[in-house]
Amino acid sequence: MNLKLIKGMRLVAATHNAGKAREIHALLDGHYTVVTAGELNLPEPAETETTFVGNAMLKARHAAAFSGEVSLADDSGLSVVALDGAPGIFSARWGGPERDFGLAMRKIEARLEDLGATDRSAFFTSALAVAWPDGPCVVVEGRVDGQLTFPSRGDRGFGYDPIFIPEGHSQTFAEMEPGLKDGLSHRARAFEQLKAALIDS
C-alpha cells in the first residue's frame, strides 16, 4: 500500500472541535478537503489510552473504520510541570462535560495557588495519527515548551492558548496572529513530521 496523502484528496478529521479542525486545514496548507467527524455525525470513541500517541491512534482508527476514508486525529494537551504533568491527556476533561476551557484554566491557576507553586513552566504535546480504513496507521509527535501566565490573555486560538507563552516570545498563543502560532505550535511541529513522512513535495 502507498502510504501517501495525495493533494486534493478528502481527509476526515477525527474531531468535533471546530477550532482544531480549522487549524488542521491551515497546517495542511489548504491542499486537502477536510471534513470533521462532527460534520459526518460519527460517534466519538472513549479515549481509553494512557498516552497522547495511544489516543491519537485510537481516534484515527475509529474515524477511518466508521467513515471508510483516510482519517487524521490529533490528541493534544497541556502539561504543567508543577502539577506533575496534569492535566496532560485529560486536558479537555478538565473543562467538564461542556469542555469549558475558561473553567479548566481557572482550575490550573487555583491548583498552583493551593500548592504555593511559583514554577509556571509547562508544555503542549500533540500526537498526530493518520489511519487508513484497512488498517495501517502512522503517528508522529510534536512538543513546544513555555510558561503559563494569569490572568488569561488574548481571544485568538482555542483551549489553553490564552495562558500559554511559548519559549522566546512575550505573547500568549491566543494573542498571536494565527500564522505565527501555526509556525510555532506543538501541532505545527507534529505536522512538519507528518508532511515529511506522508506528503510528496
Protein backbone atom coordinates (compact mmCIF):
# COMPACT_ATOMS: atom_id res chain seq x y z
CA MET A 1 0.00 0.00 0.00
CA ASN A 2 1.20 3.51 -0.87
CA LEU A 3 1.05 5.38 2.43
CA LYS A 4 0.94 8.86 0.98
CA LEU A 5 -1.55 11.70 1.25
CA ILE A 6 -2.33 12.84 -2.29
CA LYS A 7 -3.06 16.55 -2.66
CA GLY A 8 -6.73 17.20 -3.35
CA MET A 9 -7.97 14.10 -1.53
CA ARG A 10 -10.56 14.26 1.24
CA LEU A 11 -9.49 13.64 4.81
CA VAL A 12 -11.72 13.03 7.79
CA ALA A 13 -10.52 14.99 10.84
CA ALA A 14 -11.44 12.90 13.86
CA THR A 15 -12.63 15.84 15.95
CA HIS A 16 -15.80 17.65 16.94
CA ASN A 17 -13.73 20.75 17.79
CA ALA A 18 -14.22 23.37 15.05
CA GLY A 19 -11.16 25.37 16.15
CA LYS A 20 -8.91 22.34 15.93
CA ALA A 21 -10.36 21.45 12.52
CA ARG A 22 -9.60 24.94 11.15
CA GLU A 23 -6.05 24.70 12.42
CA ILE A 24 -5.60 21.26 10.82
CA HIS A 25 -6.82 22.62 7.47
CA ALA A 26 -4.36 25.53 7.67
CA LEU A 27 -1.46 23.31 8.68
CA LEU A 28 -2.15 21.14 5.63
CA ASP A 29 -1.69 24.29 3.52
CA GLY A 30 -5.25 24.09 2.20
CA HIS A 31 -4.29 21.26 -0.16
CA TYR A 32 -6.93 18.86 1.18
CA THR A 33 -10.67 18.84 1.69
CA VAL A 34 -11.04 18.41 5.43
CA VAL A 35 -14.35 17.25 6.87
CA THR A 36 -14.83 16.63 10.56
CA ALA A 37 -16.21 13.67 12.43
CA GLY A 38 -18.83 16.08 13.75
CA GLU A 39 -19.97 17.02 10.24
CA LEU A 40 -20.29 13.33 9.38
CA ASN A 41 -22.11 12.59 12.65
CA LEU A 42 -19.53 9.98 13.60
CA PRO A 43 -19.64 8.80 17.20
CA GLU A 44 -16.81 9.82 19.50
CA PRO A 45 -14.78 6.92 20.89
CA ALA A 46 -13.94 6.61 24.56
CA GLU A 47 -10.36 7.81 24.97
CA THR A 48 -9.13 4.84 26.98
CA GLU A 49 -5.41 5.02 26.23
CA THR A 50 -2.87 6.44 28.68
CA THR A 51 -0.74 8.47 26.25
CA PHE A 52 -1.29 11.13 23.59
CA VAL A 53 0.04 8.72 20.94
CA GLY A 54 -2.32 5.96 22.03
CA ASN A 55 -5.38 8.21 21.98
CA ALA A 56 -4.48 9.73 18.60
CA MET A 57 -4.20 6.27 17.05
CA LEU A 58 -7.45 5.15 18.68
CA LYS A 59 -9.37 8.17 17.34
CA ALA A 60 -7.90 7.97 13.83
CA ARG A 61 -8.65 4.26 13.51
CA HIS A 62 -12.17 4.76 14.87
CA ALA A 63 -12.94 7.52 12.35
CA ALA A 64 -11.44 5.54 9.47
CA ALA A 65 -13.47 2.46 10.37
CA PHE A 66 -16.76 4.39 10.59
CA SER A 67 -16.21 6.67 7.58
CA GLY A 68 -14.39 4.30 5.24
CA GLU A 69 -11.98 7.15 4.45
CA VAL A 70 -8.44 8.13 5.39
CA SER A 71 -8.73 9.82 8.76
CA LEU A 72 -6.49 12.09 10.75
CA ALA A 73 -6.62 12.57 14.51
CA ASP A 74 -4.80 14.82 16.92
CA ASP A 75 -4.55 14.15 20.62
CA SER A 76 -3.01 17.05 22.40
CA GLY A 77 -2.88 18.70 25.74
CA LEU A 78 -1.15 20.92 28.24
CA SER A 79 1.21 19.50 30.85
CA VAL A 80 2.10 21.70 33.83
CA VAL A 81 5.40 20.83 35.48
CA ALA A 82 4.37 21.90 38.99
CA LEU A 83 1.23 19.74 38.69
CA ASP A 84 3.24 16.62 37.82
CA GLY A 85 2.21 16.86 34.19
CA ALA A 86 -1.51 17.45 34.73
CA PRO A 87 -3.88 17.97 33.06
CA GLY A 88 -1.99 16.10 30.30
CA ILE A 89 -4.17 13.61 28.41
CA PHE A 90 -7.14 14.82 30.48
CA SER A 91 -6.79 18.41 29.23
CA ALA A 92 -10.24 18.56 27.60
CA ARG A 93 -11.91 16.82 30.54
CA TRP A 94 -10.71 19.48 32.97
CA GLY A 95 -13.31 21.72 31.34
CA GLY A 96 -16.15 19.42 32.36
CA PRO A 97 -18.85 17.97 30.08
CA GLU A 98 -19.14 21.28 28.21
CA ARG A 99 -15.35 21.44 27.64
CA ASP A 100 -15.28 24.89 29.20
CA PHE A 101 -11.62 25.87 28.90
CA GLY A 102 -12.22 29.03 30.89
CA LEU A 103 -13.13 26.74 33.78
CA ALA A 104 -10.14 24.49 33.06
CA MET A 105 -7.71 27.43 33.11
CA ARG A 106 -9.15 28.65 36.41
CA LYS A 107 -8.66 25.15 37.85
CA ILE A 108 -4.99 25.19 36.89
CA GLU A 109 -4.48 28.61 38.45
CA ALA A 110 -6.28 27.55 41.63
CA ARG A 111 -4.24 24.36 41.99
CA LEU A 112 -0.97 26.21 41.54
CA GLU A 113 -2.05 28.72 44.18
CA ASP A 114 -3.11 25.94 46.56
CA LEU A 115 0.32 24.35 46.19
CA GLY A 116 2.10 27.68 46.57
CA ALA A 117 3.93 26.78 43.36
CA THR A 118 5.97 29.51 41.69
CA ASP A 119 7.16 27.37 38.78
CA ARG A 120 5.00 28.27 35.78
CA SER A 121 6.77 26.08 33.22
CA ALA A 122 4.53 23.96 31.01
CA PHE A 123 4.48 22.32 27.62
CA PHE A 124 2.00 21.40 24.94
CA THR A 125 2.16 17.99 23.28
CA SER A 126 0.48 16.97 20.04
CA ALA A 127 0.33 13.40 18.76
CA LEU A 128 -0.93 13.20 15.19
CA ALA A 129 -2.15 9.95 13.64
CA VAL A 130 -3.32 9.10 10.13
CA ALA A 131 -5.24 5.87 9.64
CA TRP A 132 -6.39 4.06 6.52
CA PRO A 133 -9.70 2.15 6.58
CA ASP A 134 -7.97 -1.19 6.03
CA GLY A 135 -5.64 -0.87 8.97
CA PRO A 136 -2.30 0.96 8.59
CA CYS A 137 -1.69 3.89 10.92
CA VAL A 138 1.17 6.39 11.04
CA VAL A 139 1.76 8.54 14.13
CA VAL A 140 4.13 11.45 14.94
CA GLU A 141 4.51 13.71 17.98
CA GLY A 142 5.42 17.37 18.50
CA ARG A 143 6.08 19.46 21.61
CA VAL A 144 6.51 23.13 22.50
CA ASP A 145 7.72 24.41 25.87
CA GLY A 146 6.81 27.65 27.55
CA GLN A 147 5.42 29.44 30.61
CA LEU A 148 1.94 29.96 31.97
CA THR A 149 0.54 33.41 32.67
CA PHE A 150 -2.51 34.52 34.64
CA PRO A 151 -4.99 36.02 34.05
CA SER A 152 -5.58 34.73 30.54
CA ARG A 153 -4.67 36.99 27.61
CA GLY A 154 -5.95 37.13 24.04
CA ASP A 155 -9.02 35.96 22.17
CA ARG A 156 -7.49 34.02 19.29
CA GLY A 157 -6.84 30.30 19.25
CA PHE A 158 -8.70 27.89 21.49
CA GLY A 159 -8.26 25.65 24.51
CA TYR A 160 -5.45 26.72 26.84
CA ASP A 161 -3.92 29.16 24.34
CA PRO A 162 -4.76 32.28 26.44
CA ILE A 163 -2.48 31.22 29.34
CA PHE A 164 0.47 29.78 27.41
CA ILE A 165 3.52 31.81 26.31
CA PRO A 166 5.91 29.77 24.13
CA GLU A 167 9.65 29.99 24.79
CA GLY A 168 11.29 33.00 23.20
CA HIS A 169 8.08 35.04 22.95
CA SER A 170 6.12 37.50 25.08
CA GLN A 171 2.64 36.90 23.67
CA THR A 172 0.34 34.03 24.52
CA PHE A 173 -0.77 31.75 21.70
CA ALA A 174 -4.18 33.48 21.91
CA GLU A 175 -2.59 36.90 21.32
CA MET A 176 -0.56 35.83 18.30
CA GLU A 177 -1.53 36.15 14.67
CA PRO A 178 -2.68 32.68 13.55
CA GLY A 179 0.16 32.42 11.04
CA LEU A 180 2.77 33.00 13.75
CA LYS A 181 1.21 30.45 16.08
CA ASP A 182 0.94 27.93 13.23
CA GLY A 183 4.69 28.11 12.80
CA LEU A 184 5.47 27.60 16.50
CA SER A 185 2.91 25.27 17.96
CA HIS A 186 3.19 21.66 19.06
CA ARG A 187 0.65 20.79 16.36
CA ALA A 188 2.72 22.59 13.71
CA ARG A 189 5.79 20.60 14.74
CA ALA A 190 3.87 17.35 14.51
CA PHE A 191 2.51 18.33 11.09
CA GLU A 192 6.01 19.03 9.77
CA GLN A 193 6.96 15.48 10.69
CA LEU A 194 3.76 14.17 9.13
CA LYS A 195 4.36 16.03 5.88
CA ALA A 196 7.90 14.68 5.67
CA ALA A 197 6.61 11.13 6.14
CA LEU A 198 3.41 11.10 4.10
CA ILE A 199 3.24 14.02 1.68
CA ASP A 200 5.10 14.18 -1.61
CA SER A 201 6.55 17.63 -2.25
